[in-house]
Amino acid sequence: MKKGIHPEYRDVVFMDTTTGFKFVSGSTKSAKETVEWEDGNEYPLIRVEISSDSHPFYTGRQKFAQADGRIDRFNKKYKLED
């Protein structure tokens, strides 16, 4: 790899602003805020709007807008019964 052209890769704390859930991951993203982690080290803090802690797919609160099949919708539309 060429030297001097790659961003610095380091551990960063990501915080879900919806739930307050925090986790450490590697990233090249920079941040102005820092936070002290459980291990006593200080890491850059990056706030995210959604994570696996608040995403409907992972939490099980997913809404199914189109749960009916095509035949069921057709029968409802034309008021046909089985």
N, C-alpha and C. Protein backbone atom coordinates (compact mmCIF):
# COMPACT_ATOMS: atom_id res chain seq x y z
N MET A 1 0.83 -1.18 0.00
CA MET A 1 0.00 0.00 0.00
C MET A 1 0.88 1.25 0.00
N LYS A 2 0.40 2.26 -0.65
CA LYS A 2 1.12 3.53 -0.65
C LYS A 2 1.00 4.18 0.72
N LYS A 3 2.06 4.79 1.13
CA LYS A 3 2.05 5.47 2.43
C LYS A 3 1.51 6.89 2.28
N GLY A 4 0.75 7.32 3.29
CA GLY A 4 0.28 8.69 3.34
C GLY A 4 -1.01 8.97 2.60
N ILE A 5 -1.63 7.97 1.97
CA ILE A 5 -2.87 8.25 1.24
C ILE A 5 -4.10 7.62 1.91
N HIS A 6 -3.89 6.77 2.91
CA HIS A 6 -5.01 6.09 3.56
C HIS A 6 -5.38 6.79 4.86
N PRO A 7 -6.68 6.88 5.16
CA PRO A 7 -7.08 7.50 6.42
C PRO A 7 -6.71 6.60 7.60
N GLU A 8 -6.61 7.20 8.76
CA GLU A 8 -6.25 6.46 9.97
C GLU A 8 -7.41 5.57 10.40
N TYR A 9 -7.13 4.29 10.61
CA TYR A 9 -8.13 3.33 11.06
C TYR A 9 -7.94 3.12 12.55
N ARG A 10 -9.00 3.34 13.34
CA ARG A 10 -8.89 3.24 14.79
C ARG A 10 -10.22 2.78 15.38
N ASP A 11 -10.20 2.44 16.67
CA ASP A 11 -11.44 2.08 17.36
C ASP A 11 -12.24 3.34 17.67
N VAL A 12 -13.56 3.24 17.49
CA VAL A 12 -14.47 4.35 17.69
C VAL A 12 -15.69 3.83 18.42
N VAL A 13 -16.30 4.66 19.26
CA VAL A 13 -17.54 4.30 19.93
C VAL A 13 -18.70 4.88 19.13
N PHE A 14 -19.63 4.02 18.74
CA PHE A 14 -20.85 4.45 18.06
C PHE A 14 -21.97 4.45 19.09
N MET A 15 -22.77 5.53 19.12
CA MET A 15 -23.88 5.61 20.07
C MET A 15 -25.18 5.84 19.32
N ASP A 16 -26.15 4.97 19.58
CA ASP A 16 -27.48 5.10 19.00
C ASP A 16 -28.20 6.20 19.78
N THR A 17 -28.55 7.31 19.11
CA THR A 17 -29.17 8.44 19.79
C THR A 17 -30.60 8.14 20.22
N THR A 18 -31.23 7.12 19.62
CA THR A 18 -32.60 6.78 19.99
C THR A 18 -32.65 6.04 21.32
N THR A 19 -31.76 5.07 21.51
CA THR A 19 -31.80 4.23 22.69
C THR A 19 -30.65 4.44 23.66
N GLY A 20 -29.58 5.09 23.23
CA GLY A 20 -28.42 5.29 24.08
C GLY A 20 -27.46 4.10 24.06
N PHE A 21 -27.73 3.10 23.24
CA PHE A 21 -26.88 1.91 23.12
C PHE A 21 -25.54 2.31 22.51
N LYS A 22 -24.44 1.80 23.09
CA LYS A 22 -23.10 2.12 22.59
C LYS A 22 -22.35 0.84 22.27
N PHE A 23 -21.50 0.91 21.25
CA PHE A 23 -20.63 -0.22 20.92
C PHE A 23 -19.36 0.31 20.28
N VAL A 24 -18.30 -0.48 20.41
CA VAL A 24 -16.99 -0.10 19.86
C VAL A 24 -16.77 -0.87 18.56
N SER A 25 -16.30 -0.16 17.56
CA SER A 25 -15.99 -0.78 16.28
C SER A 25 -14.86 0.01 15.63
N GLY A 26 -14.20 -0.61 14.68
CA GLY A 26 -13.15 0.07 13.96
C GLY A 26 -13.72 0.95 12.86
N SER A 27 -13.12 2.11 12.65
CA SER A 27 -13.62 3.04 11.64
C SER A 27 -12.53 4.03 11.24
N THR A 28 -12.71 4.62 10.08
CA THR A 28 -11.83 5.71 9.65
C THR A 28 -12.50 7.06 9.86
N LYS A 29 -13.74 7.05 10.32
CA LYS A 29 -14.49 8.28 10.54
C LYS A 29 -13.90 9.06 11.72
N SER A 30 -13.83 10.37 11.58
CA SER A 30 -13.30 11.20 12.65
C SER A 30 -14.45 11.85 13.43
N ALA A 31 -14.17 12.22 14.67
CA ALA A 31 -15.19 12.83 15.51
C ALA A 31 -14.55 13.86 16.42
N LYS A 32 -15.32 14.88 16.78
CA LYS A 32 -14.83 15.90 17.69
C LYS A 32 -15.08 15.51 19.14
N GLU A 33 -16.14 14.73 19.37
CA GLU A 33 -16.47 14.30 20.73
C GLU A 33 -15.70 13.04 21.09
N THR A 34 -15.41 12.89 22.37
CA THR A 34 -14.78 11.67 22.85
C THR A 34 -15.56 11.17 24.06
N VAL A 35 -15.40 9.89 24.36
CA VAL A 35 -16.08 9.28 25.49
C VAL A 35 -15.15 8.24 26.11
N GLU A 36 -15.23 8.10 27.44
CA GLU A 36 -14.44 7.08 28.11
C GLU A 36 -15.23 5.78 28.09
N TRP A 37 -14.59 4.72 27.62
CA TRP A 37 -15.24 3.42 27.48
C TRP A 37 -15.01 2.59 28.74
N GLU A 38 -15.65 1.45 28.84
CA GLU A 38 -15.59 0.58 30.01
C GLU A 38 -14.18 0.11 30.33
N ASP A 39 -13.31 0.05 29.33
CA ASP A 39 -11.94 -0.42 29.56
C ASP A 39 -11.02 0.69 30.07
N GLY A 40 -11.56 1.90 30.26
CA GLY A 40 -10.78 3.01 30.78
C GLY A 40 -10.13 3.88 29.72
N ASN A 41 -10.19 3.45 28.46
CA ASN A 41 -9.61 4.23 27.37
C ASN A 41 -10.62 5.24 26.83
N GLU A 42 -10.11 6.29 26.24
CA GLU A 42 -10.97 7.32 25.64
C GLU A 42 -10.99 7.13 24.13
N TYR A 43 -12.20 7.12 23.57
CA TYR A 43 -12.38 6.89 22.13
C TYR A 43 -13.21 8.02 21.53
N PRO A 44 -13.06 8.27 20.22
CA PRO A 44 -13.95 9.22 19.54
C PRO A 44 -15.39 8.70 19.58
N LEU A 45 -16.36 9.60 19.73
CA LEU A 45 -17.77 9.23 19.81
C LEU A 45 -18.48 9.67 18.54
N ILE A 46 -19.14 8.72 17.88
CA ILE A 46 -19.92 9.01 16.68
C ILE A 46 -21.37 8.66 16.98
N ARG A 47 -22.25 9.63 16.83
CA ARG A 47 -23.69 9.43 17.09
C ARG A 47 -24.37 8.97 15.80
N VAL A 48 -25.17 7.91 15.92
CA VAL A 48 -25.93 7.39 14.79
C VAL A 48 -27.41 7.39 15.15
N GLU A 49 -28.27 7.53 14.14
CA GLU A 49 -29.70 7.60 14.39
C GLU A 49 -30.33 6.23 14.60
N ILE A 50 -29.72 5.20 14.01
CA ILE A 50 -30.31 3.87 14.11
C ILE A 50 -29.20 2.83 14.14
N SER A 51 -29.42 1.80 14.94
CA SER A 51 -28.47 0.70 15.04
C SER A 51 -29.26 -0.59 15.21
N SER A 52 -28.57 -1.68 15.45
CA SER A 52 -29.28 -2.95 15.63
C SER A 52 -30.14 -2.93 16.89
N ASP A 53 -29.87 -2.01 17.82
CA ASP A 53 -30.65 -1.91 19.04
C ASP A 53 -32.01 -1.24 18.82
N SER A 54 -32.13 -0.42 17.77
CA SER A 54 -33.38 0.30 17.55
C SER A 54 -34.03 0.02 16.20
N HIS A 55 -33.36 -0.72 15.33
CA HIS A 55 -33.91 -1.00 14.00
C HIS A 55 -35.04 -2.01 14.11
N PRO A 56 -36.19 -1.75 13.48
CA PRO A 56 -37.34 -2.64 13.58
C PRO A 56 -37.06 -4.08 13.16
N PHE A 57 -36.19 -4.30 12.21
CA PHE A 57 -35.89 -5.66 11.76
C PHE A 57 -35.26 -6.47 12.88
N TYR A 58 -34.36 -5.87 13.63
CA TYR A 58 -33.65 -6.58 14.70
C TYR A 58 -34.44 -6.65 16.00
N THR A 59 -35.32 -5.68 16.24
CA THR A 59 -36.06 -5.64 17.50
C THR A 59 -37.35 -6.44 17.44
N GLY A 60 -37.79 -6.83 16.24
CA GLY A 60 -39.03 -7.59 16.11
C GLY A 60 -40.26 -6.72 16.04
N ARG A 61 -40.10 -5.43 15.98
CA ARG A 61 -41.25 -4.52 15.89
C ARG A 61 -41.50 -4.10 14.45
N GLN A 62 -41.16 -4.97 13.54
CA GLN A 62 -41.31 -4.66 12.13
C GLN A 62 -42.79 -4.71 11.75
N LYS A 63 -43.22 -3.75 10.97
CA LYS A 63 -44.60 -3.70 10.51
C LYS A 63 -44.65 -4.21 9.08
N PHE A 64 -45.61 -5.04 8.81
CA PHE A 64 -45.78 -5.57 7.47
C PHE A 64 -46.94 -4.84 6.81
N ALA A 65 -46.61 -3.98 5.87
CA ALA A 65 -47.63 -3.17 5.22
C ALA A 65 -48.46 -4.00 4.25
N GLN A 66 -47.87 -5.06 3.72
CA GLN A 66 -48.56 -5.84 2.72
C GLN A 66 -48.52 -7.32 3.11
N ALA A 67 -49.29 -7.66 4.14
CA ALA A 67 -49.28 -9.03 4.66
C ALA A 67 -50.15 -9.96 3.82
N ASP A 68 -51.15 -9.41 3.16
CA ASP A 68 -52.05 -10.25 2.36
C ASP A 68 -51.42 -10.59 1.02
N GLY A 69 -51.81 -11.71 0.48
CA GLY A 69 -51.36 -12.11 -0.83
C GLY A 69 -52.22 -11.50 -1.92
N ARG A 70 -51.86 -11.74 -3.15
CA ARG A 70 -52.60 -11.17 -4.28
C ARG A 70 -54.03 -11.68 -4.34
N ILE A 71 -54.22 -12.96 -4.08
CA ILE A 71 -55.57 -13.54 -4.15
C ILE A 71 -56.45 -12.95 -3.06
N ASP A 72 -55.92 -12.82 -1.85
CA ASP A 72 -56.69 -12.24 -0.76
C ASP A 72 -57.09 -10.80 -1.06
N ARG A 73 -56.18 -10.04 -1.63
CA ARG A 73 -56.51 -8.64 -1.98
C ARG A 73 -57.58 -8.60 -3.06
N PHE A 74 -57.48 -9.48 -4.04
CA PHE A 74 -58.48 -9.52 -5.10
C PHE A 74 -59.86 -9.86 -4.52
N ASN A 75 -59.90 -10.86 -3.64
CA ASN A 75 -61.17 -11.25 -3.03
C ASN A 75 -61.75 -10.13 -2.17
N LYS A 76 -60.91 -9.41 -1.46
CA LYS A 76 -61.39 -8.28 -0.65
C LYS A 76 -61.91 -7.16 -1.53
N LYS A 77 -61.21 -6.90 -2.63
CA LYS A 77 -61.58 -5.80 -3.52
C LYS A 77 -62.93 -6.05 -4.15
N TYR A 78 -63.17 -7.27 -4.59
CA TYR A 78 -64.42 -7.60 -5.28
C TYR A 78 -65.41 -8.31 -4.39
N LYS A 79 -65.10 -8.33 -3.07
CA LYS A 79 -65.97 -8.92 -2.07
C LYS A 79 -66.38 -10.33 -2.41
N LEU A 80 -65.44 -11.10 -2.85
CA LEU A 80 -65.67 -12.52 -3.15
C LEU A 80 -65.33 -13.34 -1.92
N GLU A 81 -66.04 -14.41 -1.70
CA GLU A 81 -65.79 -15.25 -0.55
C GLU A 81 -65.43 -16.64 -1.04
N ASP A 82 -64.72 -17.39 -0.20
CA ASP A 82 -64.32 -18.75 -0.54
C ASP A 82 -65.49 -19.68 -0.58
